[in-house]
Amino acid sequence: MASARIRSGLPLLNRILRSDSLSTQRSAIQRSVLTPAFTASQPSKNLSTSTARKEEKIKLPITLYGGTGNYASALFVAAKRSKVLDQVESEILDLIEASKKSPKFSLFLKDLSVRADTRVKAINEICATAKFSEITKNFLVIVAENGRLNYLESIVNKFKQLTMADKGIIKAIVTTIMPLPPQEEKELKETLQDIIGQGKTVEVEQKIDPSILGGIMIEFEQKLFDMSIRTRAKQMERFLREPVDFDAL
């Protein structure tokens, strides 16, 4: 498995981080990937493995916002255009899983003090060991070069939203103070399915959060329906703090 290959490459990461003589030179391929700088206005161009053929128009299944959304969207477009979407998804999910099992690797991803050339060299070594595709490697190199590895898990989560939406799957995150009984979960899923309509499939993910005090929060398609007691209590508190206009009564 790729995750096992990633873990086997962690000693390389350790050696790179301890190295005192890191070259700042990159191969012609790396320079072509990293130049021009990866920006929100043209995020997918730098991930392309071919500039010769006419680029296919790729439509995003959902619109994502923010810097992490731009990175995720760029990766989706590049992988979709190269017809390796499933492979890229598997590879980056394996990478995130490996980071959760290795404190050293997780620290490397989050440590902003690591030099850019160190980050790039480490990522290249790991991708080579794991036999990642060119799209995945190019993407990770860009993220490393731009000092955004600490946002990698958030980027991957948004990328996952895109791949699910591309398959017609809509994830609904349901937050309660305790697990929903099977029958209630079934009824909620059917209600959400009616709202979303035909042609898409709802996938419910339950989250437990005692801090909401009661009620329910539902998040899907970047919409949030907050019916928690915590939120209602805050709304009531704001209402009670507002001065009363007796003349209007």
Protein backbone atom coordinates (compact mmCIF):
# COMPACT_ATOMS: atom_id res chain seq x y z
CA MET A 1 0.00 0.00 0.00
CA ALA A 2 1.07 3.58 -0.61
CA SER A 3 0.71 4.40 3.09
CA ALA A 4 3.23 1.67 3.93
CA ARG A 5 5.63 3.02 1.30
CA ILE A 6 5.25 6.50 2.75
CA ARG A 7 6.11 5.23 6.23
CA SER A 8 9.12 3.41 4.83
CA GLY A 9 10.33 6.71 3.46
CA LEU A 10 10.20 8.51 6.81
CA PRO A 11 13.85 7.67 7.63
CA LEU A 12 14.71 9.64 4.47
CA LEU A 13 12.74 12.55 5.86
CA ASN A 14 14.68 12.33 9.12
CA ARG A 15 17.99 12.34 7.22
CA ILE A 16 16.96 15.33 5.11
CA LEU A 17 15.91 17.33 8.16
CA ARG A 18 19.31 16.66 9.75
CA SER A 19 21.26 17.51 6.61
CA ASP A 20 23.62 20.50 6.83
CA SER A 21 24.27 20.81 3.11
CA LEU A 22 21.00 21.11 1.22
CA SER A 23 21.16 22.10 -2.43
CA THR A 24 18.88 24.93 -3.49
CA GLN A 25 19.11 23.90 -7.14
CA ARG A 26 16.12 22.15 -8.71
CA SER A 27 15.73 20.13 -11.88
CA ALA A 28 14.25 21.64 -15.04
CA ILE A 29 11.00 19.77 -14.42
CA GLN A 30 10.69 21.16 -10.88
CA ARG A 31 11.37 24.70 -12.10
CA SER A 32 8.72 24.38 -14.79
CA VAL A 33 6.24 23.27 -12.12
CA LEU A 34 7.12 25.92 -9.58
CA THR A 35 7.37 28.88 -11.98
CA PRO A 36 5.38 31.05 -12.14
CA ALA A 37 4.39 31.13 -8.47
CA PHE A 38 1.19 29.30 -7.56
CA THR A 39 -1.55 31.91 -7.18
CA ALA A 40 -5.29 31.89 -6.68
CA SER A 41 -5.83 33.50 -10.07
CA GLN A 42 -4.15 30.68 -12.01
CA PRO A 43 -3.85 27.73 -9.62
CA SER A 44 -4.19 24.81 -12.00
CA LYS A 45 -1.71 25.87 -14.70
CA ASN A 46 1.32 25.02 -12.57
CA LEU A 47 0.08 21.48 -11.90
CA SER A 48 -0.21 20.57 -15.55
CA THR A 49 2.15 17.88 -16.81
CA SER A 50 1.74 19.01 -20.42
CA THR A 51 1.54 22.49 -21.89
CA ALA A 52 1.55 21.33 -25.50
CA ARG A 53 -1.93 19.90 -25.80
CA LYS A 54 -5.03 22.03 -25.71
CA GLU A 55 -6.39 22.13 -22.17
CA GLU A 56 -9.77 20.54 -21.62
CA LYS A 57 -12.38 22.71 -19.94
CA ILE A 58 -13.01 21.28 -16.47
CA LYS A 59 -16.01 22.43 -14.46
CA LEU A 60 -15.84 22.27 -10.67
CA PRO A 61 -18.79 20.33 -9.18
CA ILE A 62 -19.00 22.80 -6.28
CA THR A 63 -17.41 26.18 -5.59
CA LEU A 64 -14.90 26.41 -2.76
CA TYR A 65 -13.62 29.59 -1.18
CA GLY A 66 -10.44 30.74 0.52
CA GLY A 67 -6.81 29.79 -0.01
CA THR A 68 -7.26 26.11 0.82
CA GLY A 69 -10.25 26.00 -1.54
CA ASN A 70 -8.08 27.40 -4.35
CA TYR A 71 -5.42 24.75 -3.82
CA ALA A 72 -8.01 21.96 -3.66
CA SER A 73 -9.73 23.22 -6.80
CA ALA A 74 -6.42 23.42 -8.67
CA LEU A 75 -5.56 19.84 -7.75
CA PHE A 76 -9.03 18.63 -8.78
CA VAL A 77 -8.83 20.33 -12.19
CA ALA A 78 -5.32 19.00 -12.87
CA ALA A 79 -6.18 15.44 -11.82
CA LYS A 80 -9.48 15.43 -13.68
CA ARG A 81 -7.88 16.76 -16.85
CA SER A 82 -5.17 14.09 -16.70
CA LYS A 83 -7.79 11.40 -15.92
CA VAL A 84 -6.07 10.31 -12.70
CA LEU A 85 -8.58 11.69 -10.18
CA ASP A 86 -9.10 8.43 -8.28
CA GLN A 87 -5.35 7.76 -8.12
CA VAL A 88 -4.52 11.26 -6.87
CA GLU A 89 -7.29 11.07 -4.27
CA SER A 90 -5.96 7.75 -2.99
CA GLU A 91 -2.39 9.06 -2.83
CA ILE A 92 -3.06 12.24 -0.89
CA LEU A 93 -5.41 10.45 1.52
CA ASP A 94 -2.64 7.90 2.13
CA LEU A 95 -0.25 10.77 2.82
CA ILE A 96 -2.57 12.33 5.40
CA GLU A 97 -3.10 8.93 7.03
CA ALA A 98 0.67 8.41 7.23
CA SER A 99 1.10 11.83 8.85
CA LYS A 100 -1.39 10.87 11.56
CA LYS A 101 0.63 7.74 12.35
CA SER A 102 4.01 9.50 12.43
CA PRO A 103 4.51 12.34 14.95
CA LYS A 104 7.78 13.32 13.23
CA PHE A 105 6.14 13.61 9.81
CA SER A 106 3.15 15.47 11.29
CA LEU A 107 5.53 17.93 12.97
CA PHE A 108 7.40 18.40 9.70
CA LEU A 109 4.16 19.37 7.93
CA LYS A 110 3.26 21.92 10.59
CA ASP A 111 6.71 23.39 11.32
CA LEU A 112 6.89 26.76 9.56
CA SER A 113 10.56 27.17 10.49
CA VAL A 114 11.67 24.42 8.06
CA ARG A 115 13.43 26.00 5.08
CA ALA A 116 11.70 25.93 1.69
CA ASP A 117 14.47 23.88 0.03
CA THR A 118 14.32 21.39 2.89
CA ARG A 119 10.55 21.04 2.51
CA VAL A 120 10.79 20.54 -1.26
CA LYS A 121 13.60 17.99 -1.02
CA ALA A 122 11.75 16.01 1.66
CA ILE A 123 8.52 15.97 -0.34
CA ASN A 124 10.36 14.82 -3.49
CA GLU A 125 11.98 11.97 -1.55
CA ILE A 126 8.68 10.87 -0.04
CA CYS A 127 6.86 11.01 -3.38
CA ALA A 128 9.61 8.98 -5.04
CA THR A 129 9.51 6.35 -2.28
CA ALA A 130 5.70 6.14 -2.39
CA LYS A 131 5.71 6.10 -6.23
CA PHE A 132 3.21 8.94 -6.38
CA SER A 133 1.88 10.19 -9.71
CA GLU A 134 3.35 13.31 -11.32
CA ILE A 135 0.19 15.30 -10.53
CA THR A 136 0.37 14.48 -6.82
CA LYS A 137 4.12 15.12 -6.67
CA ASN A 138 3.85 18.44 -8.51
CA PHE A 139 1.03 19.55 -6.26
CA LEU A 140 2.85 18.66 -3.05
CA VAL A 141 6.03 20.38 -4.26
CA ILE A 142 4.06 23.58 -4.94
CA VAL A 143 2.43 23.43 -1.51
CA ALA A 144 5.83 22.83 0.12
CA GLU A 145 7.51 25.60 -1.87
CA ASN A 146 4.79 28.08 -0.90
CA GLY A 147 5.00 27.19 2.79
CA ARG A 148 1.48 25.78 2.98
CA LEU A 149 2.18 22.24 4.19
CA ASN A 150 0.61 23.17 7.54
CA TYR A 151 -2.69 23.59 5.65
CA LEU A 152 -2.36 20.30 3.78
CA GLU A 153 -5.01 18.40 5.74
CA SER A 154 -7.52 21.22 5.24
CA ILE A 155 -6.71 21.30 1.51
CA VAL A 156 -7.16 17.54 1.26
CA ASN A 157 -10.50 17.70 3.10
CA LYS A 158 -11.76 20.26 0.58
CA PHE A 159 -10.38 18.20 -2.28
CA LYS A 160 -12.37 15.27 -0.90
CA GLN A 161 -15.51 17.43 -1.02
CA LEU A 162 -14.86 18.02 -4.71
CA THR A 163 -14.30 14.35 -5.54
CA MET A 164 -17.44 13.33 -3.64
CA ALA A 165 -19.51 15.99 -5.38
CA ASP A 166 -18.05 14.84 -8.70
CA LYS A 167 -19.44 11.38 -7.94
CA GLY A 168 -22.81 12.83 -6.96
CA ILE A 169 -22.24 12.24 -3.23
CA ILE A 170 -23.15 15.02 -0.81
CA LYS A 171 -21.75 14.71 2.71
CA ALA A 172 -23.97 16.02 5.48
CA ILE A 173 -22.24 16.56 8.82
CA VAL A 174 -24.74 16.16 11.64
CA THR A 175 -23.68 17.37 15.09
CA THR A 176 -25.56 16.33 18.23
CA ILE A 177 -24.72 15.75 21.89
CA MET A 178 -25.18 11.99 21.50
CA PRO A 179 -25.44 9.53 18.58
CA LEU A 180 -28.75 9.58 16.72
CA PRO A 181 -30.79 6.38 16.98
CA PRO A 182 -30.74 4.43 13.67
CA GLN A 183 -34.38 5.28 12.87
CA GLU A 184 -33.83 9.02 13.43
CA GLU A 185 -30.69 8.95 11.31
CA LYS A 186 -32.62 7.18 8.55
CA GLU A 187 -35.44 9.77 8.66
CA LEU A 188 -32.93 12.65 8.64
CA LYS A 189 -31.12 11.15 5.66
CA GLU A 190 -34.42 10.78 3.77
CA THR A 191 -35.31 14.42 4.54
CA LEU A 192 -31.94 15.66 3.30
CA GLN A 193 -32.28 13.49 0.21
CA ASP A 194 -35.62 15.17 -0.56
CA ILE A 195 -34.01 18.60 -0.15
CA ILE A 196 -31.04 17.80 -2.40
CA GLY A 197 -33.16 16.06 -5.01
CA GLN A 198 -32.58 13.22 -7.43
CA GLY A 199 -29.26 12.48 -9.07
CA LYS A 200 -27.26 12.90 -5.87
CA THR A 201 -26.71 10.66 -2.86
CA VAL A 202 -26.56 11.90 0.73
CA GLU A 203 -23.87 10.51 3.01
CA VAL A 204 -24.40 11.34 6.70
CA GLU A 205 -21.44 11.79 9.04
CA GLN A 206 -22.34 12.08 12.72
CA LYS A 207 -20.28 14.20 15.11
CA ILE A 208 -20.68 14.38 18.87
CA ASP A 209 -20.23 17.76 20.55
CA PRO A 210 -21.60 18.15 24.12
CA SER A 211 -20.88 21.91 23.99
CA ILE A 212 -23.93 22.55 21.76
CA LEU A 213 -26.04 21.58 24.84
CA GLY A 214 -28.79 19.95 22.76
CA GLY A 215 -30.63 20.21 19.47
CA ILE A 216 -28.86 19.58 16.18
CA MET A 217 -26.52 21.22 13.66
CA ILE A 218 -26.52 20.13 10.00
CA GLU A 219 -23.86 21.21 7.51
CA PHE A 220 -23.96 20.28 3.82
CA GLU A 221 -23.12 21.93 0.50
CA GLN A 222 -21.47 24.76 2.46
CA LYS A 223 -24.76 25.56 4.20
CA LEU A 224 -25.21 25.43 7.97
CA PHE A 225 -28.55 24.82 9.70
CA ASP A 226 -27.92 25.57 13.37
CA MET A 227 -30.75 24.42 15.61
CA SER A 228 -28.61 23.85 18.69
CA ILE A 229 -29.62 24.94 22.18
CA ARG A 230 -26.31 26.79 22.51
CA THR A 231 -27.09 29.03 19.54
CA ARG A 232 -30.69 29.59 20.58
CA ALA A 233 -29.50 30.53 24.08
CA LYS A 234 -27.07 33.08 22.63
CA GLN A 235 -29.82 34.55 20.47
CA MET A 236 -32.09 34.81 23.50
CA GLU A 237 -29.31 36.46 25.51
CA ARG A 238 -28.79 39.09 22.79
CA PHE A 239 -32.54 39.71 22.67
CA LEU A 240 -32.74 40.21 26.45
CA ARG A 241 -29.79 42.63 26.38
CA GLU A 242 -31.41 44.89 23.78
CA PRO A 243 -33.16 47.96 25.22
CA VAL A 244 -36.95 47.87 25.08
CA ASP A 245 -38.68 50.62 23.09
CA PHE A 246 -41.78 51.14 25.22
CA ASP A 247 -43.14 53.74 22.80
CA ALA A 248 -43.45 51.07 20.16
CA LEU A 249 -45.55 48.81 22.39
